[in-house]
Amino acid sequence: MKRILLYSVILALVGCNEKKMAHTETAKIVAESFYYKDNATLKKHTTTESYAILSSLQDLFAEDEKSEINFEVIEDTINSDVAWVRYSTSFEEKPSIFKLVKEDGQWKVTEQKPREEEPF
């Protein structure tokens, strides 16, 4: 009986121990899932509002999964629970910026408010 309880506790701890990703890793996953139309992944790593915006724009920017994205972080910064990532991809001429917020301990891409100053 003690073994079953011990295994149950271990299994619960392992199951709840989801990997905490850095803000730059989250930005890369969001960019890739956006261009490759992986909506399940996109939804998991964005806020509700950002998912609605990004998924509505996907058809304009979707790429073949065989295409290399060449995601590169140009600069990034964190201020408490808000992070900014300036990045480039092989699909865009100019660098883009993601604003990220922490929700339940995980970084998620969120929308930038009108007239909100970027830290770069």
C-alpha atoms as a PDB file:
ATOM      1  CA  MET A   1       0.000   0.000   0.000  1.00  0.00           C
ATOM      2  CA  LYS A   2       2.858   2.390   0.834  1.00  0.00           C
ATOM      3  CA  ARG A   3       4.440   1.690  -2.558  1.00  0.00           C
ATOM      4  CA  ILE A   4       1.245   2.541  -4.401  1.00  0.00           C
ATOM      5  CA  LEU A   5       0.972   5.803  -2.477  1.00  0.00           C
ATOM      6  CA  LEU A   6       4.629   6.629  -3.118  1.00  0.00           C
ATOM      7  CA  TYR A   7       4.304   5.906  -6.851  1.00  0.00           C
ATOM      8  CA  SER A   8       1.126   7.977  -7.021  1.00  0.00           C
ATOM      9  CA  VAL A   9       2.844  10.965  -5.416  1.00  0.00           C
ATOM     10  CA  ILE A  10       5.863  10.651  -7.721  1.00  0.00           C
ATOM     11  CA  LEU A  11       3.638  10.339 -10.776  1.00  0.00           C
ATOM     12  CA  ALA A  12       1.639  13.406  -9.724  1.00  0.00           C
ATOM     13  CA  LEU A  13       4.793  15.455  -9.218  1.00  0.00           C
ATOM     14  CA  VAL A  14       6.265  14.422 -12.564  1.00  0.00           C
ATOM     15  CA  GLY A  15       2.984  15.101 -14.356  1.00  0.00           C
ATOM     16  CA  CYS A  16       2.683  18.591 -12.888  1.00  0.00           C
ATOM     17  CA  ASN A  17       6.289  19.509 -13.580  1.00  0.00           C
ATOM     18  CA  GLU A  18       5.804  21.212 -16.946  1.00  0.00           C
ATOM     19  CA  LYS A  19       8.976  22.750 -18.340  1.00  0.00           C
ATOM     20  CA  LYS A  20       9.226  26.480 -17.748  1.00  0.00           C
ATOM     21  CA  MET A  21      10.428  28.090 -20.960  1.00  0.00           C
ATOM     22  CA  ALA A  22      12.351  31.300 -21.316  1.00  0.00           C
ATOM     23  CA  HIS A  23      10.578  34.219 -22.961  1.00  0.00           C
ATOM     24  CA  THR A  24      12.822  33.895 -26.028  1.00  0.00           C
ATOM     25  CA  GLU A  25      11.931  30.202 -26.410  1.00  0.00           C
ATOM     26  CA  THR A  26       8.246  31.078 -26.232  1.00  0.00           C
ATOM     27  CA  ALA A  27       8.694  33.788 -28.871  1.00  0.00           C
ATOM     28  CA  LYS A  28      10.343  31.280 -31.214  1.00  0.00           C
ATOM     29  CA  ILE A  29       7.569  28.719 -30.700  1.00  0.00           C
ATOM     30  CA  VAL A  30       4.898  31.351 -31.379  1.00  0.00           C
ATOM     31  CA  ALA A  31       6.621  32.539 -34.565  1.00  0.00           C
ATOM     32  CA  GLU A  32       7.011  28.989 -35.850  1.00  0.00           C
ATOM     33  CA  SER A  33       3.465  27.940 -34.979  1.00  0.00           C
ATOM     34  CA  PHE A  34       2.128  31.125 -36.602  1.00  0.00           C
ATOM     35  CA  TYR A  35       3.925  30.608 -39.918  1.00  0.00           C
ATOM     36  CA  TYR A  36       3.336  26.842 -40.014  1.00  0.00           C
ATOM     37  CA  LYS A  37      -0.356  27.163 -38.966  1.00  0.00           C
ATOM     38  CA  ASP A  38       0.004  25.008 -35.839  1.00  0.00           C
ATOM     39  CA  ASN A  39      -2.980  26.536 -34.066  1.00  0.00           C
ATOM     40  CA  ALA A  40      -2.923  24.226 -31.043  1.00  0.00           C
ATOM     41  CA  THR A  41       0.629  25.307 -30.211  1.00  0.00           C
ATOM     42  CA  LEU A  42      -0.114  28.938 -31.070  1.00  0.00           C
ATOM     43  CA  LYS A  43      -3.095  28.973 -28.710  1.00  0.00           C
ATOM     44  CA  LYS A  44      -1.070  27.382 -25.889  1.00  0.00           C
ATOM     45  CA  HIS A  45       1.641  30.079 -26.010  1.00  0.00           C
ATOM     46  CA  THR A  46      -0.464  33.218 -26.556  1.00  0.00           C
ATOM     47  CA  THR A  47      -3.082  35.109 -24.589  1.00  0.00           C
ATOM     48  CA  THR A  48      -6.691  34.765 -25.710  1.00  0.00           C
ATOM     49  CA  GLU A  49      -6.677  38.173 -27.405  1.00  0.00           C
ATOM     50  CA  SER A  50      -3.382  37.571 -29.190  1.00  0.00           C
ATOM     51  CA  TYR A  51      -4.469  34.156 -30.393  1.00  0.00           C
ATOM     52  CA  ALA A  52      -7.579  35.683 -31.974  1.00  0.00           C
ATOM     53  CA  ILE A  53      -5.504  38.335 -33.752  1.00  0.00           C
ATOM     54  CA  LEU A  54      -2.701  36.036 -34.896  1.00  0.00           C
ATOM     55  CA  SER A  55      -4.973  33.240 -36.084  1.00  0.00           C
ATOM     56  CA  SER A  56      -6.998  35.713 -38.158  1.00  0.00           C
ATOM     57  CA  LEU A  57      -3.780  36.886 -39.877  1.00  0.00           C
ATOM     58  CA  GLN A  58      -2.295  33.445 -40.496  1.00  0.00           C
ATOM     59  CA  ASP A  59      -3.598  32.967 -44.019  1.00  0.00           C
ATOM     60  CA  LEU A  60      -1.736  36.080 -45.141  1.00  0.00           C
ATOM     61  CA  PHE A  61       1.611  34.806 -43.863  1.00  0.00           C
ATOM     62  CA  ALA A  62       1.440  30.991 -43.748  1.00  0.00           C
ATOM     63  CA  GLU A  63       4.494  29.115 -45.011  1.00  0.00           C
ATOM     64  CA  ASP A  64       5.246  25.552 -46.001  1.00  0.00           C
ATOM     65  CA  GLU A  65       6.550  23.491 -43.071  1.00  0.00           C
ATOM     66  CA  LYS A  66       9.595  22.610 -45.148  1.00  0.00           C
ATOM     67  CA  SER A  67      10.613  26.281 -45.260  1.00  0.00           C
ATOM     68  CA  GLU A  68      13.277  27.317 -42.782  1.00  0.00           C
ATOM     69  CA  ILE A  69      12.119  30.084 -40.453  1.00  0.00           C
ATOM     70  CA  ASN A  70      15.637  31.088 -39.306  1.00  0.00           C
ATOM     71  CA  PHE A  71      14.306  32.680 -36.126  1.00  0.00           C
ATOM     72  CA  GLU A  72      16.905  34.925 -34.504  1.00  0.00           C
ATOM     73  CA  VAL A  73      16.594  37.011 -31.348  1.00  0.00           C
ATOM     74  CA  ILE A  74      18.044  40.463 -31.968  1.00  0.00           C
ATOM     75  CA  GLU A  75      17.456  41.824 -28.470  1.00  0.00           C
ATOM     76  CA  ASP A  76      15.258  41.127 -25.493  1.00  0.00           C
ATOM     77  CA  THR A  77      14.434  42.546 -22.089  1.00  0.00           C
ATOM     78  CA  ILE A  78      12.428  41.551 -19.030  1.00  0.00           C
ATOM     79  CA  ASN A  79      10.780  43.884 -16.528  1.00  0.00           C
ATOM     80  CA  SER A  80       9.042  41.839 -13.837  1.00  0.00           C
ATOM     81  CA  ASP A  81       6.252  39.865 -15.565  1.00  0.00           C
ATOM     82  CA  VAL A  82       6.560  41.624 -18.945  1.00  0.00           C
ATOM     83  CA  ALA A  83       9.168  40.770 -21.566  1.00  0.00           C
ATOM     84  CA  TRP A  84       9.920  42.094 -25.028  1.00  0.00           C
ATOM     85  CA  VAL A  85      11.668  40.205 -27.815  1.00  0.00           C
ATOM     86  CA  ARG A  86      12.843  41.806 -31.056  1.00  0.00           C
ATOM     87  CA  TYR A  87      13.420  39.047 -33.579  1.00  0.00           C
ATOM     88  CA  SER A  88      13.911  38.372 -37.244  1.00  0.00           C
ATOM     89  CA  THR A  89      12.818  35.534 -39.501  1.00  0.00           C
ATOM     90  CA  SER A  90      13.564  34.611 -43.072  1.00  0.00           C
ATOM     91  CA  PHE A  91       9.934  35.431 -43.947  1.00  0.00           C
ATOM     92  CA  GLU A  92      10.003  39.146 -43.102  1.00  0.00           C
ATOM     93  CA  GLU A  93      12.210  41.964 -44.334  1.00  0.00           C
ATOM     94  CA  LYS A  94      12.162  43.942 -41.072  1.00  0.00           C
ATOM     95  CA  PRO A  95      12.529  42.656 -37.503  1.00  0.00           C
ATOM     96  CA  SER A  96       9.337  42.187 -35.487  1.00  0.00           C
ATOM     97  CA  ILE A  97       8.609  42.527 -31.788  1.00  0.00           C
ATOM     98  CA  PHE A  98       6.670  40.308 -29.418  1.00  0.00           C
ATOM     99  CA  LYS A  99       5.419  41.488 -26.046  1.00  0.00           C
ATOM    100  CA  LEU A 100       5.125  38.646 -23.557  1.00  0.00           C
ATOM    101  CA  VAL A 101       3.444  38.401 -20.164  1.00  0.00           C
ATOM    102  CA  LYS A 102       3.621  35.731 -17.506  1.00  0.00           C
ATOM    103  CA  GLU A 103       0.382  33.819 -16.986  1.00  0.00           C
ATOM    104  CA  ASP A 104       0.398  31.039 -14.407  1.00  0.00           C
ATOM    105  CA  GLY A 105       4.197  31.035 -14.452  1.00  0.00           C
ATOM    106  CA  GLN A 106       4.438  30.630 -18.240  1.00  0.00           C
ATOM    107  CA  TRP A 107       5.443  33.276 -20.788  1.00  0.00           C
ATOM    108  CA  LYS A 108       2.729  34.043 -23.355  1.00  0.00           C
ATOM    109  CA  VAL A 109       2.756  36.410 -26.289  1.00  0.00           C
ATOM    110  CA  THR A 110       0.239  39.198 -25.835  1.00  0.00           C
ATOM    111  CA  GLU A 111      -0.889  42.169 -27.886  1.00  0.00           C
ATOM    112  CA  GLN A 112       0.871  45.492 -27.714  1.00  0.00           C
ATOM    113  CA  LYS A 113      -1.489  48.279 -26.716  1.00  0.00           C
ATOM    114  CA  PRO A 114      -1.876  51.320 -28.986  1.00  0.00           C
ATOM    115  CA  ARG A 115       0.794  53.926 -28.291  1.00  0.00           C
ATOM    116  CA  GLU A 116       2.599  51.554 -25.929  1.00  0.00           C
ATOM    117  CA  GLU A 117       6.311  52.317 -25.918  1.00  0.00           C
ATOM    118  CA  GLU A 118       8.710  49.515 -26.712  1.00  0.00           C
ATOM    119  CA  PRO A 119      11.819  49.372 -24.524  1.00  0.00           C
ATOM    120  CA  PHE A 120      14.261  49.220 -27.430  1.00  0.00           C
END
